[in-house]
Amino acid sequence: MAILHIQELRKMKSEELDKKIAELKKEFMRIKTQISQGTAPEKPGRARQIRKTIAKILTIKKEQEVKQAK
């Protein structure tokens, strides 16, 4: 799965963002398992990219909640 940019994430609906978070968390757990077992993952920097993307998505979701509350 490609890492998404902020503009792409802002266009998505809340349900789509939830699905993306779930997919990214599954992939992150798979990579972390590989690392903990001592095997080298295919793309070592991918774990960091996934963590950052999850943080972006959570930030956008929070912004949407604040916007709806106003």
Protein backbone atom coordinates (compact mmCIF):
# COMPACT_ATOMS: atom_id res chain seq x y z
CA MET A 1 0.00 0.00 0.00
CA ALA A 2 1.28 3.41 -0.89
CA ILE A 3 1.74 6.08 1.72
CA LEU A 4 -0.93 8.72 1.29
CA HIS A 5 -0.39 12.46 1.25
CA ILE A 6 -2.32 14.93 3.39
CA GLN A 7 -4.37 16.24 0.45
CA GLU A 8 -5.53 12.72 -0.40
CA LEU A 9 -6.40 11.97 3.23
CA ARG A 10 -8.41 15.17 3.67
CA LYS A 11 -10.64 14.18 0.71
CA MET A 12 -11.54 10.88 2.36
CA LYS A 13 -14.57 10.30 4.54
CA SER A 14 -14.31 9.19 8.16
CA GLU A 15 -15.22 5.57 7.33
CA GLU A 16 -12.51 5.39 4.69
CA LEU A 17 -9.98 6.79 7.14
CA ASP A 18 -10.95 4.13 9.67
CA LYS A 19 -10.36 1.41 7.08
CA LYS A 20 -6.97 2.87 6.19
CA ILE A 21 -5.95 2.95 9.84
CA ALA A 22 -6.92 -0.71 10.25
CA GLU A 23 -4.96 -1.72 7.13
CA LEU A 24 -1.90 0.25 8.20
CA LYS A 25 -1.99 -1.20 11.72
CA LYS A 26 -2.09 -4.75 10.32
CA GLU A 27 0.87 -4.03 8.07
CA PHE A 28 2.74 -2.36 10.94
CA MET A 29 2.21 -5.37 13.19
CA ARG A 30 3.50 -7.67 10.45
CA ILE A 31 6.65 -5.60 10.05
CA LYS A 32 7.20 -5.33 13.81
CA THR A 33 6.86 -9.12 14.06
CA GLN A 34 9.52 -9.59 11.41
CA ILE A 35 11.83 -7.20 13.23
CA SER A 36 11.27 -8.86 16.61
CA GLN A 37 12.00 -12.30 15.14
CA GLY A 38 15.32 -11.02 13.90
CA THR A 39 14.59 -11.21 10.19
CA ALA A 40 15.18 -8.17 8.04
CA PRO A 41 11.96 -6.75 6.59
CA GLU A 42 11.75 -6.07 2.85
CA LYS A 43 11.64 -2.32 3.38
CA PRO A 44 13.21 -1.32 6.70
CA GLY A 45 12.00 2.30 6.56
CA ARG A 46 8.42 1.26 5.95
CA ALA A 47 7.61 0.95 9.68
CA ARG A 48 8.44 4.61 10.22
CA GLN A 49 6.36 5.67 7.20
CA ILE A 50 3.39 3.68 8.48
CA ARG A 51 3.62 5.23 11.95
CA LYS A 52 3.72 8.72 10.45
CA THR A 53 0.77 8.01 8.15
CA ILE A 54 -1.30 6.68 11.06
CA ALA A 55 -0.51 9.87 12.98
CA LYS A 56 -1.56 12.00 9.99
CA ILE A 57 -4.86 10.14 9.72
CA LEU A 58 -5.59 10.50 13.43
CA THR A 59 -4.81 14.22 13.24
CA ILE A 60 -7.19 14.69 10.32
CA LYS A 61 -9.93 12.74 12.12
CA LYS A 62 -9.51 14.98 15.17
CA GLU A 63 -9.68 18.09 12.99
CA GLN A 64 -12.90 16.81 11.42
CA GLU A 65 -14.41 16.18 14.87
CA VAL A 66 -13.54 19.68 16.04
CA LYS A 67 -14.94 21.16 12.84
CA GLN A 68 -18.24 19.29 13.30
CA ALA A 69 -18.49 20.34 16.94
CA LYS A 70 -18.44 24.02 16.00
